[in-house]
Protein backbone atom coordinates (compact mmCIF):
# COMPACT_ATOMS: atom_id res chain seq x y z
CA MET A 1 112.97 103.42 138.24
CA ASP A 2 115.22 104.16 135.24
CA ARG A 3 112.38 103.27 132.79
CA LEU A 4 114.38 100.48 131.17
CA ILE A 5 113.59 96.78 130.76
CA ARG A 6 116.72 94.63 130.82
CA LEU A 7 116.86 91.11 129.43
CA TRP A 8 119.36 88.74 131.07
CA ASN A 9 120.83 85.35 130.32
CA PRO A 10 120.67 83.41 133.64
CA HIS A 11 123.92 81.64 132.76
CA PHE A 12 125.80 84.86 132.06
CA SER A 13 125.19 87.75 134.42
CA GLY A 14 127.96 90.04 133.19
CA LYS A 15 125.69 92.32 131.22
CA PRO A 16 122.12 92.26 129.88
CA THR A 17 121.47 90.61 126.53
CA GLY A 18 119.07 93.38 125.61
CA VAL A 19 117.60 96.67 126.81
CA LEU A 20 114.06 97.78 125.91
CA LYS A 21 113.60 101.55 125.83
CA GLY A 22 110.36 103.46 125.43
CA HIS A 23 108.67 104.09 128.77
CA SER A 24 108.65 107.69 130.00
CA ALA A 25 107.94 106.80 133.64
CA PRO A 26 109.11 104.16 136.16
CA ILE A 27 107.95 100.63 135.32
CA ILE A 28 105.81 98.99 138.01
CA PHE A 29 104.71 95.72 136.40
CA LEU A 30 106.27 93.13 134.09
CA CYS A 31 104.94 89.86 132.77
CA ILE A 32 106.49 87.42 130.30
CA SER A 33 104.34 85.38 127.93
CA SER A 34 106.81 82.72 126.78
CA GLU A 35 104.19 81.15 124.53
CA ASP A 36 103.97 84.29 122.40
CA SER A 37 107.55 85.52 123.05
CA GLN A 38 106.17 88.73 124.46
CA ILE A 39 106.68 90.97 127.48
CA PHE A 40 103.95 93.14 129.00
CA SER A 41 105.04 96.24 130.89
CA VAL A 42 103.07 98.88 132.77
CA SER A 43 104.54 102.18 133.99
CA ASN A 44 103.18 104.43 136.72
CA ASP A 45 101.95 106.98 134.16
CA ASN A 46 99.40 104.29 133.15
CA THR A 47 101.10 103.41 129.87
CA VAL A 48 100.94 99.77 128.78
CA LYS A 49 103.45 98.37 126.30
CA ILE A 50 103.83 94.99 124.62
CA TRP A 51 107.32 93.93 123.49
CA HIS A 52 108.59 91.13 121.29
CA ILE A 53 111.39 89.26 123.08
CA GLU A 54 113.30 88.02 120.03
CA ASP A 55 113.11 91.23 117.99
CA GLN A 56 113.44 93.40 121.12
CA CYS A 57 110.99 95.92 119.72
CA CYS A 58 107.74 97.49 120.90
CA LEU A 59 104.68 95.93 119.26
CA PHE A 60 101.93 97.98 120.86
CA THR A 61 101.48 100.98 123.14
CA ALA A 62 98.30 101.81 125.06
CA ASP A 63 98.55 105.51 125.82
CA PRO A 64 96.97 106.47 129.19
CA LYS A 65 94.86 109.17 127.55
CA GLU A 66 93.40 106.82 124.97
CA SER A 67 93.23 103.64 127.03
CA GLY A 68 90.87 105.00 129.65
CA ILE A 69 93.09 103.89 132.55
CA HIS A 70 92.61 106.56 135.23
CA GLY A 71 94.02 106.92 138.73
CA ASP A 72 96.86 105.13 140.48
CA ILE A 73 97.41 101.54 139.42
CA SER A 74 97.04 99.19 142.38
CA ALA A 75 97.43 95.82 140.68
CA CYS A 76 98.07 94.14 137.33
CA SER A 77 97.52 90.55 136.31
CA TYR A 78 98.01 88.68 133.04
CA SER A 79 95.84 85.69 132.22
CA PRO A 80 97.52 83.42 129.66
CA ALA A 81 94.36 81.33 129.37
CA VAL A 82 92.26 84.14 127.92
CA LYS A 83 95.23 86.29 126.80
CA CYS A 84 94.11 89.35 128.73
CA LEU A 85 96.03 91.86 130.81
CA TYR A 86 93.94 93.26 133.68
CA VAL A 87 94.86 96.65 135.14
CA ALA A 88 93.18 97.79 138.35
CA ALA A 89 93.06 101.54 138.95
CA ASP A 90 89.98 103.71 139.53
CA CYS A 91 88.28 101.18 137.29
CA LEU A 92 89.27 97.79 135.89
CA ALA A 93 90.75 97.96 132.39
CA MET A 94 91.15 94.84 130.28
CA LEU A 95 93.68 94.62 127.47
CA SER A 96 92.25 91.85 125.32
CA LEU A 97 94.80 90.55 122.84
CA LYS A 98 93.95 89.45 119.34
CA LEU A 99 97.13 87.68 118.35
CA ARG A 100 98.15 86.42 114.96
CA PRO A 101 101.19 84.25 114.36
CA ARG A 102 104.27 86.08 113.08
CA LEU A 103 104.42 84.14 109.84
CA HIS A 104 106.95 86.20 107.95
CA SER A 105 109.67 87.55 110.19
CA HIS A 106 111.72 88.38 107.07
CA LEU A 107 109.31 91.10 105.93
CA MET A 108 111.05 94.32 104.97
CA ALA A 109 111.08 97.03 107.65
CA SER A 110 112.74 100.43 107.70
CA HIS A 111 113.04 100.49 111.51
CA ASN A 112 112.92 98.09 114.46
CA GLU A 113 110.16 100.07 116.15
CA PRO A 114 107.10 102.14 115.16
CA VAL A 115 107.86 105.13 112.95
CA MET A 116 106.22 108.24 114.41
CA CYS A 117 106.97 110.79 111.66
CA CYS A 118 108.92 111.42 108.46
CA GLY A 119 109.81 114.26 106.13
CA PHE A 120 111.62 115.16 102.91
CA SER A 121 114.49 117.64 102.67
CA GLU A 122 114.57 119.05 99.16
CA GLU A 123 117.89 120.72 99.91
CA PHE A 124 119.69 117.39 100.31
CA ARG A 125 117.14 115.16 98.54
CA GLN A 126 117.00 113.05 101.67
CA VAL A 127 114.21 111.53 103.73
CA VAL A 128 114.33 111.62 107.53
CA SER A 129 112.29 109.22 109.69
CA CYS A 130 111.96 109.18 113.50
CA THR A 131 110.80 106.38 115.78
CA GLU A 132 109.25 105.55 119.10
CA GLY A 133 112.67 104.27 120.15
CA SER A 134 114.21 107.76 119.71
CA VAL A 135 116.10 106.71 116.57
CA VAL A 136 116.55 108.97 113.53
CA LYS A 137 117.43 107.53 110.13
CA VAL A 138 118.44 109.49 107.04
CA TRP A 139 117.67 107.95 103.64
CA ASP A 140 118.67 108.72 100.08
CA PHE A 141 115.45 109.80 98.38
CA ASP A 142 116.62 108.73 94.91
CA SER A 143 117.65 105.17 95.78
CA GLY A 144 115.97 104.23 99.07
CA HIS A 145 119.28 103.35 100.74
CA GLN A 146 120.16 104.42 104.28
CA VAL A 147 122.68 107.25 104.52
CA PHE A 148 123.03 107.80 108.26
CA GLU A 149 121.52 106.88 111.62
CA PHE A 150 121.71 108.24 115.15
CA GLY A 151 119.86 107.24 118.31
CA GLY A 152 119.11 108.37 121.85
CA THR A 153 117.93 111.69 120.49
CA HIS A 154 115.47 112.26 123.34
CA ASP A 155 117.22 109.93 125.78
CA LEU A 156 114.69 107.21 126.63
CA SER A 157 111.67 109.07 125.27
CA SER A 158 109.82 108.60 122.02
CA ILE A 159 110.09 111.11 119.19
CA THR A 160 106.57 112.32 118.44
CA CYS A 161 107.00 114.91 115.67
CA MET A 162 109.53 116.57 113.38
CA THR A 163 109.94 119.43 110.96
CA PHE A 164 112.72 121.16 109.02
CA ASP A 165 113.85 124.77 108.94
CA LEU A 166 112.85 126.77 105.88
CA LYS A 167 115.93 125.69 103.92
CA GLY A 168 115.61 122.03 104.87
CA ARG A 169 119.10 122.00 106.36
CA ARG A 170 118.27 121.58 110.06
CA LEU A 171 115.97 119.02 111.66
CA ILE A 172 113.71 119.84 114.61
CA THR A 173 112.30 116.96 116.68
CA GLY A 174 109.82 116.89 119.55
CA GLY A 175 109.39 114.11 122.09
CA THR A 176 107.43 112.72 124.98
CA ASP A 177 110.08 114.26 127.25
CA GLY A 178 108.60 117.68 126.48
CA CYS A 179 111.72 118.95 124.70
CA LEU A 180 112.42 120.16 121.18
CA LYS A 181 115.87 119.57 119.71
CA ILE A 182 117.52 121.09 116.65
CA TRP A 183 119.90 118.80 114.74
CA ASN A 184 122.45 118.70 112.01
CA PHE A 185 120.96 115.47 110.69
CA ASN A 186 123.91 114.73 108.43
CA ASN A 187 126.22 114.05 111.39
CA GLY A 188 123.81 113.67 114.33
CA GLN A 189 125.02 116.77 116.19
CA CYS A 190 122.46 118.35 118.51
CA LEU A 191 122.72 122.08 117.87
CA LYS A 192 120.25 123.25 120.49
CA THR A 193 117.66 122.06 123.02
CA LEU A 194 114.43 124.02 123.38
CA LYS A 195 112.55 123.51 126.64
CA LYS A 196 110.77 125.23 129.50
CA ASP A 197 112.13 125.66 133.00
CA SER A 198 108.92 124.30 134.48
CA GLU A 199 107.56 120.78 134.16
CA CYS A 200 107.77 119.58 130.57
CA HIS A 201 104.80 117.84 128.95
CA GLU A 202 104.76 115.73 125.81
CA VAL A 203 105.15 117.60 122.54
CA CYS A 204 102.61 116.43 119.94
CA ASP A 205 103.44 118.63 116.94
CA CYS A 206 105.82 121.37 115.87
CA ILE A 207 106.37 123.75 112.96
CA PHE A 208 109.03 126.17 111.73
CA LEU A 209 107.70 129.47 110.40
CA LYS A 210 108.77 132.96 109.45
CA VAL A 211 106.93 136.09 110.61
CA HIS A 212 108.21 139.26 109.00
CA ARG A 213 112.00 138.89 109.16
CA LYS A 214 112.17 136.60 112.17
CA SER A 215 111.96 132.81 112.26
CA TYR A 216 110.36 130.76 115.01
CA VAL A 217 109.87 127.19 116.15
CA MET A 218 106.40 126.60 117.60
CA SER A 219 105.23 123.50 119.41
CA VAL A 220 102.02 122.20 120.96
CA GLY A 221 101.12 119.21 123.11
CA ARG A 222 99.85 118.06 126.46
CA ALA A 223 100.73 121.37 128.13
CA ARG A 224 97.73 122.83 126.20
CA ARG A 225 99.69 125.94 125.26
CA ILE A 226 101.59 127.17 122.20
CA ASP A 227 105.29 127.34 123.01
CA ILE A 228 107.20 129.84 120.86
CA TYR A 229 110.98 129.81 120.42
CA LEU A 230 112.85 132.47 118.46
CA ASP A 231 115.27 130.85 116.01
CA ILE A 232 118.73 132.28 116.69
CA PRO A 233 121.29 130.00 114.97
CA GLU A 234 124.22 132.18 116.03
CA ASP A 235 123.26 131.99 119.73
CA SER A 236 125.94 129.98 121.56
CA HIS A 237 123.66 128.86 124.40
CA HIS A 238 122.84 125.17 124.02
CA VAL A 239 119.54 125.36 125.95
CA GLN A 240 116.91 127.92 124.99
CA LYS A 241 113.71 128.86 126.80
CA PRO A 242 110.42 129.79 125.09
CA GLN A 243 109.15 133.32 124.79
CA PRO A 244 106.29 134.43 127.06
CA SER A 245 102.98 132.86 126.04
CA TRP A 246 100.37 134.94 124.27
CA GLN A 247 97.92 136.41 126.78
CA ASP A 248 94.98 135.22 124.69
CA ASP A 249 96.45 131.72 124.79
CA LEU A 250 96.67 131.81 128.59
CA LYS A 251 93.14 133.15 129.04
CA ASN A 252 91.21 131.74 126.10
CA GLY A 253 93.32 128.90 124.76
CA HIS A 254 92.69 125.17 124.57
CA LYS A 255 91.24 123.23 127.50
CA ASP A 256 92.51 119.85 126.29
CA ASP A 257 95.70 118.39 124.81
CA ILE A 258 96.71 120.05 121.52
CA LEU A 259 97.40 117.49 118.80
CA CYS A 260 98.24 119.49 115.68
CA ILE A 261 99.47 122.89 114.50
CA ALA A 262 99.37 124.31 110.96
CA GLN A 263 100.25 127.65 109.42
CA CYS A 264 98.87 129.79 106.62
CA PRO A 265 101.33 132.57 105.72
CA PRO A 266 101.60 135.39 106.29
CA SER A 267 99.60 135.69 109.51
CA LEU A 268 97.34 132.72 110.31
CA LEU A 269 98.00 129.74 112.54
CA ALA A 270 95.62 126.94 113.55
CA THR A 271 95.75 124.47 116.43
CA SER A 272 93.49 121.47 117.05
CA SER A 273 92.86 119.54 120.23
CA TYR A 274 91.76 116.20 121.62
CA ASN A 275 88.24 117.46 122.45
CA GLY A 276 87.58 118.53 118.85
CA GLU A 277 88.14 122.27 119.23
CA ILE A 278 90.12 124.15 116.57
CA ILE A 279 91.44 127.66 117.23
CA VAL A 280 92.66 129.97 114.47
CA TRP A 281 95.20 132.54 115.65
CA ASN A 282 96.75 135.71 114.30
CA VAL A 283 100.48 135.09 114.77
CA ILE A 284 101.31 138.79 114.60
CA SER A 285 98.95 139.89 117.38
CA GLY A 286 98.78 136.58 119.23
CA ARG A 287 95.00 136.82 119.44
CA VAL A 288 92.26 134.31 118.68
CA GLN A 289 90.74 134.99 115.27
CA CYS A 290 87.99 132.36 115.47
CA ARG A 291 87.02 129.05 117.06
CA LEU A 292 85.84 126.00 115.16
CA VAL A 293 83.93 123.26 116.96
CA SER A 294 83.72 120.02 115.01
CA PRO A 295 80.10 119.15 114.20
CA LEU A 296 78.71 115.79 115.27
CA ALA A 297 76.04 113.86 113.44
CA ALA A 298 72.70 114.11 115.21
CA GLN A 299 72.65 110.44 116.10
CA HIS A 300 75.95 110.82 117.97
CA GLN A 301 75.21 113.94 119.99
CA ASN A 302 75.01 111.97 123.23
CA ALA A 303 77.71 109.44 122.45
CA ASP A 304 80.42 110.23 124.98
CA ALA A 305 82.74 107.61 123.52
CA LEU A 306 82.77 109.16 120.04
CA ASP A 307 86.29 110.16 119.07
CA THR A 308 86.08 113.86 118.22
CA SER A 309 89.85 114.44 118.37
CA VAL A 310 91.42 116.37 115.49
CA PRO A 311 94.87 114.91 114.72
CA SER A 312 95.23 116.66 111.36
CA ILE A 313 94.41 120.11 109.95
CA ILE A 314 95.47 121.77 106.72
CA PHE A 315 94.90 125.22 105.17
CA LEU A 316 93.66 125.76 101.61
CA LYS A 317 93.92 129.03 99.68
CA ASN A 318 92.63 128.25 96.19
CA LEU A 319 89.08 126.91 96.45
CA GLN A 320 87.66 128.91 93.56
CA GLN A 321 84.31 127.12 93.47
CA LEU A 322 83.63 128.13 97.08
CA SER A 323 84.92 131.69 96.68
CA LEU A 324 87.06 131.07 99.75
CA THR A 325 90.32 132.93 99.99
CA THR A 326 91.26 130.91 103.07
CA ALA A 327 89.71 127.60 104.07
CA LEU A 328 90.64 124.89 106.53
CA LEU A 329 90.22 121.12 106.35
CA SER A 330 90.14 119.12 109.58
CA SER A 331 89.82 115.42 110.37
CA GLY A 332 86.53 114.63 112.07
CA ALA A 333 84.66 111.73 113.62
CA LYS A 334 83.99 108.43 111.82
CA GLY A 335 86.42 109.08 108.97
CA CYS A 336 84.96 112.45 107.95
CA VAL A 337 86.82 115.56 106.83
CA ASN A 338 85.30 118.95 107.69
CA LEU A 339 85.64 122.11 105.59
CA TRP A 340 85.63 125.57 107.21
CA ASN A 341 85.59 129.15 106.00
CA VAL A 342 88.21 130.73 108.23
CA LEU A 343 87.72 134.38 107.28
CA CYS A 344 83.99 134.48 108.00
CA GLY A 345 84.16 133.92 111.73
CA GLY A 346 84.90 130.23 111.43
CA LYS A 347 81.83 129.15 109.49
CA PHE A 348 81.31 125.43 108.90
CA VAL A 349 80.87 124.82 105.16
CA SER A 350 80.49 121.07 104.68
CA ALA A 351 81.82 117.62 105.55
CA PHE A 352 82.46 114.47 103.57
CA LYS A 353 83.35 110.88 104.43
CA ALA A 354 87.00 110.57 103.45
CA SER A 355 87.64 107.06 104.79
CA LYS A 356 85.69 104.34 103.04
CA PHE A 357 85.71 102.32 106.25
CA GLN A 358 84.91 105.20 108.64
CA GLN A 359 88.38 105.15 110.18
CA LYS A 360 89.90 108.28 111.72
CA ILE A 361 91.90 110.36 109.24
CA THR A 362 95.32 110.71 110.88
CA LYS A 363 97.23 112.71 108.26
CA MET A 364 96.38 115.00 105.33
CA ALA A 365 98.55 116.51 102.60
CA LYS A 366 97.84 118.52 99.46
CA THR A 367 99.44 119.19 96.11
CA ASP A 368 100.57 122.58 94.85
CA LYS A 369 97.73 124.99 94.07
CA ASP A 370 95.39 122.88 96.26
CA MET A 371 94.28 120.64 93.40
CA LEU A 372 94.40 117.24 95.15
CA LEU A 373 93.95 116.18 98.76
CA TYR A 374 95.65 113.06 100.11
CA ALA A 375 94.05 111.69 103.30
CA ALA A 376 95.49 108.77 105.30
CA ASP A 377 93.62 106.77 107.93
CA ARG A 378 94.49 104.69 110.97
CA ILE A 379 94.39 101.32 109.19
CA GLY A 380 96.84 102.35 106.48
CA TYR A 381 94.63 103.47 103.58
CA ILE A 382 95.35 106.58 101.49
CA TYR A 383 92.52 108.37 99.68
CA VAL A 384 92.96 110.95 96.92
CA TYR A 385 90.30 113.60 96.29
CA SER A 386 90.04 116.35 93.69
CA ILE A 387 89.26 119.49 95.70
CA GLU A 388 89.98 122.11 93.03
CA LYS A 389 86.34 122.22 91.92
CA PHE A 390 84.63 121.03 95.09
CA ALA A 391 81.31 122.86 95.54
CA PRO A 392 79.08 123.00 98.67
CA GLU A 393 76.16 121.29 96.93
CA GLN A 394 78.30 118.22 96.31
CA ILE A 395 78.10 115.41 98.85
CA SER A 396 81.81 114.79 98.46
CA PRO A 397 84.71 115.93 96.27
CA ARG A 398 85.48 113.59 93.40
CA ALA A 399 87.43 110.54 94.55
CA GLU A 400 90.43 110.04 92.28
CA ASN A 401 92.01 106.95 93.82
CA PHE A 402 92.65 105.00 97.00
CA TRP A 403 95.05 102.24 98.03
CA ARG A 404 96.37 100.58 101.15
CA ALA A 405 99.91 101.71 101.87
CA HIS A 406 100.48 100.21 105.33
CA THR A 407 98.98 97.69 107.74
CA SER A 408 98.55 100.13 110.62
CA THR A 409 98.27 103.83 111.40
CA ILE A 410 99.91 106.21 108.93
CA THR A 411 102.00 108.70 110.92
CA GLY A 412 103.64 110.63 108.10
CA LEU A 413 102.30 111.83 104.74
CA GLN A 414 103.98 114.26 102.35
CA VAL A 415 103.46 115.03 98.68
CA VAL A 416 106.69 115.80 96.82
CA ASP A 417 105.29 117.77 93.90
CA ASN A 418 108.50 118.20 91.90
CA ASP A 419 108.93 114.43 91.65
CA GLN A 420 105.22 113.53 91.61
CA VAL A 421 105.57 111.07 94.50
CA VAL A 422 104.06 110.53 97.95
CA LEU A 423 106.09 109.77 101.08
CA THR A 424 104.51 107.79 103.95
CA SER A 425 105.47 106.34 107.33
CA SER A 426 103.59 104.11 109.73
CA THR A 427 103.60 102.42 113.09
CA ASP A 428 104.13 99.19 111.12
CA HIS A 429 107.88 100.07 111.21
CA THR A 430 108.09 101.12 107.54
CA VAL A 431 108.74 104.24 105.47
CA ARG A 432 107.57 104.00 101.85
CA LEU A 433 107.51 105.90 98.59
CA TRP A 434 104.63 105.89 96.09
CA SER A 435 103.87 107.51 92.78
CA ALA A 436 101.20 110.21 92.90
CA GLN A 437 98.81 107.58 91.46
CA GLY A 438 99.56 105.06 94.21
CA GLU A 439 102.08 102.86 92.40
CA PHE A 440 104.47 101.23 94.87
CA ILE A 441 108.02 102.50 94.39
CA GLY A 442 109.56 100.81 97.41
CA THR A 443 110.23 100.57 101.14
CA PHE A 444 113.20 102.55 102.45
CA GLY A 445 115.89 100.09 103.49
CA GLN A 446 115.01 97.37 100.97
CA PRO A 447 117.97 95.66 99.23
CA GLU A 448 116.90 96.75 95.75
CA SER A 449 117.64 100.31 94.65
CA TRP A 450 115.10 102.42 92.81
CA ASN A 451 115.20 105.47 90.59
CA VAL A 452 112.28 107.81 91.21
CA HIS A 453 112.18 108.78 87.52
CA ILE A 454 112.49 105.27 86.05
CA SER A 455 109.28 103.35 86.67
CA SER A 456 110.84 100.04 85.63
CA SER A 457 112.97 100.21 88.81
CA TRP A 458 109.90 100.42 91.03
CA MET A 459 108.31 97.53 92.92
CA HIS A 460 105.07 98.21 91.00
CA PRO A 461 102.97 96.27 89.98
CA GLY A 462 103.90 94.52 93.22
CA VAL A 463 102.59 95.71 96.59
CA PRO A 464 104.05 95.31 100.10
CA PHE A 465 103.66 91.64 101.02
CA GLU A 466 102.27 92.30 104.49
CA VAL A 467 99.62 94.57 102.96
CA LEU A 468 98.75 91.89 100.43
CA ILE A 469 98.17 89.16 103.04
CA ASP A 470 96.49 91.30 105.71
CA PRO A 471 92.76 90.44 106.04
CA LEU A 472 91.85 94.12 106.28
CA SER A 473 93.09 94.56 102.70
CA MET A 474 90.50 92.17 101.34
CA PRO A 475 87.56 93.63 99.35
CA ASP A 476 84.30 93.97 101.31
CA ASN A 477 86.00 92.88 104.52
CA GLU A 478 83.45 91.87 107.14
CA ILE A 479 85.42 93.44 109.97
CA LEU A 480 85.59 96.82 108.25
CA ASN A 481 82.02 96.78 107.00
CA ALA A 482 80.49 95.67 110.31
CA LYS A 483 78.36 98.29 112.01
CA SER A 484 80.75 98.93 114.85
CA CYS A 485 81.85 102.15 116.49
CA HIS A 486 85.16 100.72 117.70
CA SER A 487 87.07 102.88 115.25
CA ASP A 488 85.82 106.03 116.95
CA ALA A 489 86.07 104.84 120.53
CA ARG A 490 88.83 106.39 122.59
CA THR A 491 91.04 103.32 122.33
CA PRO A 492 94.70 103.02 121.37
CA VAL A 493 95.84 102.75 117.80
CA ARG A 494 96.31 99.16 116.71
CA ASP A 495 99.50 97.82 115.21
CA GLU A 496 99.77 95.62 112.16
CA ALA A 497 98.38 92.56 113.91
CA ASP A 498 95.57 94.23 115.87
CA ARG A 499 97.36 92.97 118.93
CA GLY A 500 95.41 94.78 121.60
CA GLU A 501 92.12 96.35 122.43
CA VAL A 502 91.53 98.12 125.74
CA LYS A 503 88.15 97.82 127.35
CA THR A 504 87.07 99.53 130.56
CA LEU A 505 84.90 97.38 132.77
């Protein structure tokens, strides 16, 4: 009932040899696969997790929304013969495992669990990364060495998102517990907790913004509403409630889980949801400015399983070739990126295939003056496009470069313009730094130091070893080039070893 998995030595019962944290609801099923040194756990919120016994880390999470497990779970059974976990609820779900041997346990990792987000504080020249295990690590940007670490930030819940205040001095994290917390990340002190009195739902994204002379923290998630908190650093109350919701949000807001929030100063805000809807808001009036519905290719109009979720949106303000004073880019189905004219009632302008392998774009970032777009997908590739001169008659903006940065979903992507580098994080447990051209600088936490401004100290021309040996990194890979829609099915994100695939029978 306490959402923990405890590992015990049968010959010593004084205390557990390990505790696995990550579930947000009581655990109702456990199975040990001694052959693979793995534990399978199922909680009553229909979340399935796979753990590695020796490393005591989470290898894979099947989210109930994505896995298709609906209703109360009545039974679970693991078949070691076919390596499948069967979950009986309203329908029978099968978690079919595609296991690979863990050949190189010594591979460099920044964390012991999946990294859910990361960011760069220019004020301190430090990188902050947050994990599924509710751990925050602070890194020295200029050397890659760890500076500080603190855990239990959201108790037993996963951190899902983070942002900084405008000066980069305070850290704001959101979690599956439905709370936001403001931190002094140099000493791990929690300065304030932001949460509602009513039932709290998972926070999926958050931002810090300034409107006129006031600053706010805004968050979105499974509550399907925009929660707004006034930033009052001098307020002595440790727990703060949100302001009343916008009336237009209550009446005309999202009908599905909100995945992403982005701002365009001074007055625009955009939110995107799981069902593909994007709403552009006026933050001053709190009213809907326009709605954007992601277009689907004609051949997929009736494909219910097509993943139309929008996990990433980004505003552009300098598209001279399109005569757009304000535009919006959003991740679409089958690896596409959609371009919208926000100030003309939400007009769809064009779309282009950003992912070479038609994988969902999970994160986007841009350079100053909107010259280059960096797009990251769910199998770890980063694509660079020149958008400065992108015109509607073009099929796609000019591709400048692409490389594979990680072996699984990229969860954090930031361009640090002053240093001409790119910061990334992934569910493969790593946080990495790259040159703007894709040269590998290093993995945070590696023994060797680097100097961002001395290329001879970088790992380049080397690449991360696990990326090098992963079959999905091979040119013209049959798996990636196969005509399969699995990448756009509503299935959970795979980890570095493609350890699980949920099928509903």
